[in-house]
Protein backbone atom coordinates (compact mmCIF):
# COMPACT_ATOMS: atom_id res chain seq x y z
CA UNK A 1 0.00 0.00 0.00
CA UNK A 2 1.38 3.40 -0.98
CA UNK A 3 2.04 6.08 1.62
CA UNK A 4 -0.64 8.26 0.05
CA UNK A 5 -3.17 5.43 0.50
CA UNK A 6 -2.24 5.13 4.20
CA UNK A 7 -2.68 8.88 4.66
CA UNK A 8 -6.02 8.82 2.89
CA UNK A 9 -7.20 5.90 5.03
CA UNK A 10 -6.09 7.63 8.24
CA UNK A 11 -8.02 10.74 7.26
CA UNK A 12 -11.27 8.87 6.74
CA UNK A 13 -14.02 9.97 9.18
CA UNK A 14 -14.23 6.53 10.80
CA UNK A 15 -10.51 6.50 11.59
CA UNK A 16 -10.60 10.04 12.94
CA UNK A 17 -13.51 9.10 15.18
CA UNK A 18 -11.67 6.05 16.41
CA UNK A 19 -8.61 8.17 17.20
CA UNK A 20 -10.74 10.68 19.13
CA UNK A 21 -12.37 7.83 21.06
CA UNK A 22 -8.96 6.36 21.90
CA UNK A 23 -7.70 9.72 23.15
CA UNK A 24 -10.81 10.26 25.26
CA UNK A 25 -10.56 6.80 26.79
CA UNK A 26 -6.87 7.37 27.56
CA UNK A 27 -7.63 10.66 29.33
CA UNK A 28 -10.51 9.15 31.28
CA UNK A 29 -8.31 6.29 32.49
CA UNK A 30 -5.59 8.73 33.56
CA UNK A 31 -8.09 10.88 35.44
CA UNK A 32 -9.35 7.81 37.32
CA UNK A 33 -5.77 6.95 38.26
CA UNK A 34 -4.79 10.52 39.23
CA UNK A 35 -8.04 11.59 40.86
CA UNK A 36 -7.90 15.11 39.40
CA UNK A 37 -5.59 16.85 36.94
CA UNK A 38 -5.22 19.93 34.79
CA UNK A 39 -4.95 19.93 31.02
CA UNK A 40 -1.20 20.54 31.24
CA UNK A 41 -0.76 17.60 33.63
CA UNK A 42 -2.76 15.32 31.37
CA UNK A 43 -0.69 16.38 28.36
CA UNK A 44 2.50 15.48 30.23
CA UNK A 45 1.05 12.20 31.49
CA UNK A 46 -0.27 11.00 28.14
CA UNK A 47 2.07 12.60 25.60
CA UNK A 48 -0.90 14.17 23.81
CA UNK A 49 -0.75 17.77 22.67
CA UNK A 50 -2.54 20.41 24.74
CA UNK A 51 -5.04 21.18 21.93
CA UNK A 52 -5.85 17.45 21.66
CA UNK A 53 -6.30 17.23 25.45
CA UNK A 54 -8.55 20.30 25.44
CA UNK A 55 -10.70 18.91 22.63
CA UNK A 56 -11.00 15.48 24.26
CA UNK A 57 -11.85 16.96 27.66
CA UNK A 58 -14.55 19.08 26.08
CA UNK A 59 -16.07 15.99 24.48
CA UNK A 60 -15.88 14.02 27.73
CA UNK A 61 -17.50 16.88 29.65
CA UNK A 62 -20.30 17.16 27.06
CA UNK A 63 -20.91 13.42 27.46
CA UNK A 64 -21.10 13.76 31.25
CA UNK A 65 -18.01 11.64 31.82
CA UNK A 66 -15.77 14.31 33.38
CA UNK A 67 -16.42 17.52 35.26
CA UNK A 68 -14.53 20.45 36.70
CA UNK A 69 -13.63 19.96 40.36
CA UNK A 70 -11.66 23.10 41.17
CA UNK A 71 -8.58 25.07 40.25
CA UNK A 72 -4.87 24.97 40.94
CA UNK A 73 -2.80 28.12 41.27
CA UNK A 74 0.91 27.41 40.65
CA UNK A 75 3.67 29.71 41.88
CA UNK A 76 4.18 30.79 38.30
CA UNK A 77 1.80 30.88 35.40
CA UNK A 78 -1.94 30.85 35.02
CA UNK A 79 -4.44 29.28 37.34
CA UNK A 80 -5.34 25.86 35.93
CA UNK A 81 -8.76 24.21 35.93
CA UNK A 82 -8.79 20.72 37.45
CA UNK A 83 -10.85 17.93 35.93
CA UNK A 84 -11.93 14.56 37.32
CA UNK A 85 -13.92 11.59 36.10
CA UNK A 86 -17.57 12.03 37.09
CA UNK A 87 -18.40 9.05 39.33
CA UNK A 88 -22.15 9.62 38.94
CA UNK A 89 -22.06 8.89 35.19
CA UNK A 90 -23.17 5.36 36.00
CA UNK A 91 -23.70 2.93 38.87
CA UNK A 92 -23.31 -0.77 39.61
CA UNK A 93 -25.08 -3.33 41.73
CA UNK A 94 -23.19 -5.78 43.94
CA UNK A 95 -24.92 -8.80 45.50
CA UNK A 96 -23.64 -11.36 48.02
CA UNK A 97 -25.90 -14.41 48.39
CA UNK A 98 -25.15 -16.54 51.44
CA UNK A 99 -27.14 -19.14 53.28
CA UNK A 100 -27.62 -16.88 56.28
CA UNK A 101 -27.49 -13.37 54.80
CA UNK A 102 -28.17 -11.48 51.59
CA UNK A 103 -26.11 -8.30 51.11
CA UNK A 104 -26.81 -5.79 48.33
CA UNK A 105 -25.07 -2.51 47.49
CA UNK A 106 -25.24 0.24 44.87
CA UNK A 107 -21.94 1.97 44.07
CA UNK A 108 -20.85 4.76 41.75
CA UNK A 109 -18.06 4.48 39.18
CA UNK A 110 -15.45 5.35 41.81
CA UNK A 111 -16.55 2.30 43.79
CA UNK A 112 -18.10 4.40 46.54
CA UNK A 113 -21.10 2.59 48.03
CA UNK A 114 -24.05 5.00 47.97
CA UNK A 115 -26.64 2.60 49.43
CA UNK A 116 -26.67 -0.93 50.85
CA UNK A 117 -28.70 -3.30 52.95
CA UNK A 118 -28.17 -6.64 54.69
CA UNK A 119 -31.19 -8.91 55.17
CA UNK A 120 -31.62 -12.34 56.66
CA UNK A 121 -31.93 -15.02 54.02
CA UNK A 122 -35.01 -16.90 55.17
CA UNK A 123 -35.85 -18.26 51.71
CA UNK A 124 -36.46 -22.00 51.67
CA UNK A 125 -36.24 -22.56 47.94
CA UNK A 126 -34.53 -21.25 44.85
CA UNK A 127 -37.56 -19.35 43.53
CA UNK A 128 -38.09 -17.60 46.86
CA UNK A 129 -34.39 -16.77 47.07
CA UNK A 130 -34.39 -15.30 43.55
CA UNK A 131 -37.44 -13.21 44.45
CA UNK A 132 -35.67 -12.00 47.58
CA UNK A 133 -32.61 -10.94 45.57
CA UNK A 134 -34.72 -9.02 43.06
CA UNK A 135 -36.93 -7.36 45.68
CA UNK A 136 -33.96 -6.36 47.86
CA UNK A 137 -31.99 -5.01 44.91
CA UNK A 138 -34.94 -2.91 43.79
CA UNK A 139 -35.36 -1.59 47.31
CA UNK A 140 -31.69 -0.59 47.57
CA UNK A 141 -31.73 1.15 44.19
CA UNK A 142 -34.91 3.02 45.10
CA UNK A 143 -33.42 4.10 48.42
CA UNK A 144 -30.20 5.29 46.79
CA UNK A 145 -31.88 8.02 44.76
CA UNK A 146 -30.16 6.66 41.65
CA UNK A 147 -32.17 6.42 38.44
CA UNK A 148 -32.55 2.65 37.80
CA UNK A 149 -31.57 3.29 34.17
CA UNK A 150 -28.16 4.50 35.43
CA UNK A 151 -27.42 1.10 37.03
CA UNK A 152 -25.59 -0.43 34.10
CA UNK A 153 -24.15 -3.68 35.45
CA UNK A 154 -24.62 -6.15 38.31
CA UNK A 155 -22.45 -8.89 39.79
CA UNK A 156 -23.72 -11.63 42.09
CA UNK A 157 -21.47 -13.62 44.41
CA UNK A 158 -22.69 -17.09 45.36
CA UNK A 159 -21.36 -20.37 46.72
CA UNK A 160 -20.59 -22.83 43.95
CA UNK A 161 -19.35 -22.35 40.40
CA UNK A 162 -21.39 -20.73 37.64
CA UNK A 163 -21.60 -22.79 34.44
CA UNK A 164 -22.10 -20.24 31.64
CA UNK A 165 -22.97 -22.91 29.06
CA UNK A 166 -25.71 -24.51 31.13
CA UNK A 167 -26.71 -21.15 32.66
CA UNK A 168 -26.68 -22.47 36.20
CA UNK A 169 -24.65 -22.75 39.40
CA UNK A 170 -23.06 -26.05 40.33
CA UNK A 171 -21.79 -27.29 43.72
CA UNK A 172 -23.82 -24.84 45.85
CA UNK A 173 -24.40 -27.56 48.43
CA UNK A 174 -25.82 -25.30 51.13
CA UNK A 175 -28.42 -23.56 48.92
CA UNK A 176 -31.05 -26.14 47.91
CA UNK A 177 -32.34 -25.73 44.35
CA UNK A 178 -29.91 -22.91 43.61
CA UNK A 179 -28.51 -24.87 40.68
CA UNK A 180 -31.68 -24.57 38.61
CA UNK A 181 -30.92 -23.54 35.03
CA UNK A 182 -31.99 -20.04 33.98
CA UNK A 183 -32.48 -18.75 37.52
CA UNK A 184 -29.95 -15.93 37.17
CA UNK A 185 -31.19 -15.08 33.70
CA UNK A 186 -34.62 -14.46 35.19
CA UNK A 187 -33.16 -12.26 37.93
CA UNK A 188 -31.29 -10.18 35.38
CA UNK A 189 -34.41 -9.75 33.26
CA UNK A 190 -36.52 -8.68 36.24
CA UNK A 191 -33.87 -6.22 37.38
CA UNK A 192 -33.42 -4.93 33.83
CA UNK A 193 -29.61 -4.96 34.08
CA UNK A 194 -26.86 -7.25 32.68
CA UNK A 195 -25.92 -9.68 35.43
CA UNK A 196 -22.71 -11.65 36.00
CA UNK A 197 -22.38 -14.54 38.45
CA UNK A 198 -19.14 -15.43 40.27
CA UNK A 199 -18.00 -17.71 43.05
CA UNK A 200 -18.13 -15.95 46.43
CA UNK A 201 -14.58 -16.85 47.50
CA UNK A 202 -13.22 -15.52 44.21
CA UNK A 203 -15.05 -12.23 44.70
CA UNK A 204 -13.87 -12.04 48.32
CA UNK A 205 -10.29 -12.39 47.07
CA UNK A 206 -10.80 -9.60 44.53
CA UNK A 207 -12.44 -7.42 47.16
CA UNK A 208 -9.55 -7.95 49.57
CA UNK A 209 -7.04 -7.23 46.81
CA UNK A 210 -8.83 -4.04 45.72
CA UNK A 211 -9.84 -2.58 49.06
CA UNK A 212 -8.17 -4.60 51.79
CA UNK A 213 -5.03 -6.24 53.11
CA UNK A 214 -4.23 -8.04 49.84
CA UNK A 215 -3.39 -4.84 47.96
CA UNK A 216 0.03 -5.03 46.33
CA UNK A 217 0.50 -8.80 46.77
CA UNK A 218 2.15 -10.67 43.92
CA UNK A 219 0.09 -13.77 44.62
CA UNK A 220 -2.26 -14.25 47.51
CA UNK A 221 -4.90 -16.73 48.55
CA UNK A 222 -8.10 -15.77 50.34
CA UNK A 223 -9.53 -18.60 52.44
CA UNK A 224 -13.26 -18.11 53.01
CA UNK A 225 -14.43 -19.95 56.13
CA UNK A 226 -18.15 -19.73 56.75
CA UNK A 227 -21.04 -22.10 56.19
CA UNK A 228 -18.69 -23.85 53.79
CA UNK A 229 -15.06 -23.54 52.77
CA UNK A 230 -13.61 -21.92 49.65
CA UNK A 231 -10.53 -20.18 48.37
CA UNK A 232 -9.89 -17.41 45.85
CA UNK A 233 -6.49 -16.84 44.27
CA UNK A 234 -5.29 -13.49 42.91
CA UNK A 235 -2.04 -13.42 40.92
CA UNK A 236 -0.65 -10.14 39.64
CA UNK A 237 -3.95 -8.45 40.31
CA UNK A 238 -5.94 -10.99 38.29
CA UNK A 239 -8.14 -13.81 39.51
CA UNK A 240 -6.98 -17.35 38.80
CA UNK A 241 -9.96 -19.67 38.24
CA UNK A 242 -8.45 -22.69 36.49
CA UNK A 243 -9.54 -24.47 33.31
CA UNK A 244 -13.17 -24.93 34.35
CA UNK A 245 -13.64 -22.23 36.99
CA UNK A 246 -13.03 -24.72 39.81
CA UNK A 247 -9.66 -23.50 41.09
CA UNK A 248 -9.88 -22.84 44.82
CA UNK A 249 -12.63 -25.39 45.57
CA UNK A 250 -10.55 -26.72 48.44
CA UNK A 251 -13.64 -27.82 50.36
CA UNK A 252 -13.63 -30.95 48.19
CA UNK A 253 -10.17 -32.05 49.37
CA UNK A 254 -10.33 -35.36 51.30
CA UNK A 255 -10.02 -35.20 55.06
CA UNK A 256 -9.20 -37.99 57.50
CA UNK A 257 -12.04 -37.45 59.97
CA UNK A 258 -14.26 -39.54 62.18
CA UNK A 259 -16.78 -40.13 59.40
CA UNK A 260 -15.82 -41.80 56.14
CA UNK A 261 -15.58 -40.46 53.54
CA UNK A 262 -15.18 -36.84 54.66
CA UNK A 263 -14.21 -33.61 52.94
CA UNK A 264 -12.08 -30.77 54.23
CA UNK A 265 -15.18 -28.56 54.23
CA UNK A 266 -16.73 -30.87 56.85
CA UNK A 267 -13.82 -30.12 59.18
CA UNK A 268 -13.22 -26.42 58.46
CA UNK A 269 -16.45 -24.44 58.70
CA UNK A 270 -18.80 -22.79 61.14
CA UNK A 271 -20.71 -26.06 61.49
CA UNK A 272 -17.49 -27.87 62.40
CA UNK A 273 -16.78 -25.35 65.18
CA UNK A 274 -20.21 -25.98 66.70
CA UNK A 275 -19.83 -29.78 66.42
CA UNK A 276 -16.43 -29.67 68.10
CA UNK A 277 -17.76 -27.47 70.92
CA UNK A 278 -20.54 -29.99 71.60
CA UNK A 279 -18.05 -32.86 71.62
CA UNK A 280 -15.97 -30.98 74.19
CA UNK A 281 -18.96 -30.42 76.50
CA UNK A 282 -20.83 -27.27 75.45
CA UNK A 283 -24.60 -27.52 75.30
CA UNK A 284 -27.63 -25.45 74.43
CA UNK A 285 -28.32 -23.51 71.25
CA UNK A 286 -24.90 -22.92 69.73
CA UNK A 287 -23.61 -20.99 66.73
CA UNK A 288 -20.05 -20.45 65.59
CA UNK A 289 -20.28 -16.88 66.89
CA UNK A 290 -21.45 -18.00 70.34
CA UNK A 291 -18.61 -20.52 70.53
CA UNK A 292 -16.03 -17.85 69.67
CA UNK A 293 -17.63 -15.47 72.17
CA UNK A 294 -17.40 -18.16 74.84
CA UNK A 295 -13.76 -18.79 73.96
CA UNK A 296 -13.04 -15.12 74.61
CA UNK A 297 -14.50 -15.68 78.07
CA UNK A 298 -12.12 -18.64 78.51
CA UNK A 299 -14.81 -21.33 78.40
CA UNK A 300 -12.64 -24.51 78.31
CA UNK A 301 -14.75 -26.39 75.77
CA UNK A 302 -15.00 -23.34 73.49
CA UNK A 303 -11.25 -22.73 73.75
CA UNK A 304 -10.57 -26.33 72.69
CA UNK A 305 -13.03 -26.09 69.78
CA UNK A 306 -11.50 -22.85 68.51
CA UNK A 307 -7.99 -24.24 68.79
CA UNK A 308 -9.02 -27.34 66.84
CA UNK A 309 -10.52 -25.13 64.14
CA UNK A 310 -7.27 -23.17 63.92
CA UNK A 311 -5.26 -26.36 63.56
CA UNK A 312 -7.54 -27.54 60.76
CA UNK A 313 -7.29 -24.20 58.97
CA UNK A 314 -3.51 -24.66 59.15
CA UNK A 315 -3.90 -27.79 56.98
CA UNK A 316 -5.75 -25.64 54.43
CA UNK A 317 -2.97 -23.05 54.49
CA UNK A 318 -0.33 -25.77 54.13
CA UNK A 319 -2.07 -27.14 51.03
CA UNK A 320 -2.33 -23.65 49.51
CA UNK A 321 1.34 -22.94 50.30
CA UNK A 322 2.54 -26.13 48.64
CA UNK A 323 0.53 -25.68 45.45
CA UNK A 324 0.54 -21.89 45.00
CA UNK A 325 3.55 -20.47 46.87
CA UNK A 326 1.60 -17.32 47.90
CA UNK A 327 3.28 -14.37 49.57
CA UNK A 328 0.11 -13.85 51.64
CA UNK A 329 -2.79 -15.97 52.88
CA UNK A 330 -5.84 -14.07 54.11
CA UNK A 331 -8.40 -15.77 56.35
CA UNK A 332 -11.92 -14.35 56.16
CA UNK A 333 -15.60 -15.19 56.06
CA UNK A 334 -17.95 -15.74 58.99
CA UNK A 335 -15.47 -17.83 60.99
CA UNK A 336 -12.57 -15.75 59.74
CA UNK A 337 -14.27 -12.77 61.35
CA UNK A 338 -12.99 -14.20 64.67
CA UNK A 339 -9.51 -14.70 63.29
CA UNK A 340 -8.02 -12.92 66.32
CA UNK A 341 -8.52 -16.20 68.17
CA UNK A 342 -7.42 -18.38 65.27
CA UNK A 343 -4.12 -16.94 64.05
CA UNK A 344 -2.00 -18.28 66.91
CA UNK A 345 -3.10 -21.94 66.60
CA UNK A 346 -2.93 -21.67 62.79
CA UNK A 347 0.68 -20.47 62.92
CA UNK A 348 1.71 -22.97 65.60
CA UNK A 349 0.22 -25.91 63.73
CA UNK A 350 1.65 -24.73 60.42
CA UNK A 351 5.16 -24.96 61.86
CA UNK A 352 4.60 -28.68 62.51
CA UNK A 353 3.12 -29.35 59.06
CA UNK A 354 5.40 -27.70 56.52
CA UNK A 355 8.53 -25.60 56.08
CA UNK A 356 6.49 -23.39 53.73
CA UNK A 357 5.13 -20.53 55.79
CA UNK A 358 3.53 -17.64 53.93
CA UNK A 359 2.45 -14.55 55.80
CA UNK A 360 -1.03 -15.06 57.28
CA UNK A 361 -3.39 -12.17 57.96
CA UNK A 362 -6.97 -11.53 58.91
CA UNK A 363 -9.32 -10.09 56.31
CA UNK A 364 -9.59 -6.33 56.62
CA UNK A 365 -13.01 -6.34 54.97
CA UNK A 366 -14.57 -9.03 57.14
CA UNK A 367 -18.00 -10.13 55.96
CA UNK A 368 -18.09 -7.33 53.36
CA UNK A 369 -15.35 -8.93 51.25
CA UNK A 370 -17.69 -10.75 48.84
CA UNK A 371 -19.96 -7.73 48.41
CA UNK A 372 -17.07 -5.33 47.74
CA UNK A 373 -15.51 -7.86 45.39
CA UNK A 374 -18.78 -7.93 43.46
CA UNK A 375 -18.71 -4.12 43.25
CA UNK A 376 -15.09 -4.08 42.08
CA UNK A 377 -15.81 -6.70 39.41
CA UNK A 378 -18.91 -4.89 38.20
CA UNK A 379 -16.94 -1.64 37.84
CA UNK A 380 -14.58 -3.11 35.24
CA UNK A 381 -17.46 -3.74 32.87
CA UNK A 382 -19.57 -0.75 33.88
CA UNK A 383 -16.89 1.82 33.10
CA UNK A 384 -16.55 0.45 29.58
CA UNK A 385 -20.33 0.37 29.10
CA UNK A 386 -20.78 3.92 30.33
CA UNK A 387 -17.98 5.24 28.13
CA UNK A 388 -19.36 3.50 25.04
CA UNK A 389 -22.92 4.65 25.66
CA UNK A 390 -22.15 8.25 26.49
CA UNK A 391 -19.31 8.87 24.04
CA UNK A 392 -21.31 7.53 21.09
CA UNK A 393 -24.63 8.89 22.30
C-alpha cells in the first residue's frame, strides 16, 4: 500500500472518530488513576498535545463523563482548571448471596457505596431466594436516589461455580435448588440490568485485593471460612480460576475425619466449630459466633473447639502454600471474622506441618469482602459500558 493510501485511510471519518475515542478513553483512564488533573498535567502524562487534550476533555465533559472539580494556582503561570472523572455517570449493583445473609449494594463508578442493605436469608427454595434478591436489589436502588436506568451492570457472588454454558450454578451444596438452570437469567431480566455470576470466595479475594489487606500482593490466597469452605487466588492483580472455573474449591479435598468419607469442608467451617464445641462439652443452642464469644470468656470447651478449628485451617494453608507459593494468605468469612482467636493456633500448627510458611493475615473487609468484590468486578465492565454509551450517544 502506498504512503498516500495510508494517509487517505487515516483521514477517513471513521478513523478520525476512532482516534478521538482512543484519546478520550486514555484521558478518562488517567483521570481515574490521578483523581484530578489539569490539562497541562494530562498532556505530560499522556504525551498528547494540549489542543488534543482540550478537545478530548470538552467531548468528555459534554458526554457527562468528566467535570470540573476546582482550580490549581501554581507559583508561576496561570491558574489551571482541574478535571476529574464524574463518578455519577453510572452505577453498579453488587450482591452477596449466602445461606444466612443477603447483602446488596449500589456503588458509583469510583466504587463508593451509595446505598446498601443486609437482610436475613429466610428463603427455603430457589424461587423464593431469587425473588428476595430481586426485591432487595430494587429496594436498595430506590433508596439510593439513583435512576434505575443508570445502574448499568450487576455482579452476584454465590457459593458454587457458575456454568455459563448450562446457565446455572453447580456445587452450591448449602443452597437447595440454587442450581436450577436459567435462575440468574430471570433475575437479570426482572432487574433490567446485565448480570454476572461469580463464586463468592473468588469475589472475596478480589475485594480484599482491591480494598483490603491483599493490595500489592504478587500472589495471595483468600480462604473463606463460613457455612462452607472456599478459596480465591489473585495473581498479579488478576483472579486465577483454572480451566473450568473450579480453582480454589478446596472444600472438596479429602479429610481424615471420624466419618468416612469426609471432605475438608466438613472439618473447616462454622458447622465444624459448633460440632467440636458440643463434643468438648458445650450444650444449648450454639452458633459459631457464640462458641467464639465463649472462647473469649475462657470457656474450656470453646477454647478447645477454637484451637481445633485453627489447627484444621492450618492444613488448608499448608495445602495452599505447597501448590501456589503465595506471599500472603488471608483468612476471612464468617469464621474468619474471629480470626483474632485463630491466628495463633494456625501459625503454631503450620510450623509442625510444613517448612512453607507464607504470611497469614486476617481479612480487613470481614464479611463485606464478597460484596465489595462484586462491586469491584462490576466496575470493570460498567466503566466500559458507560464510556461506550455516552461517548457515542
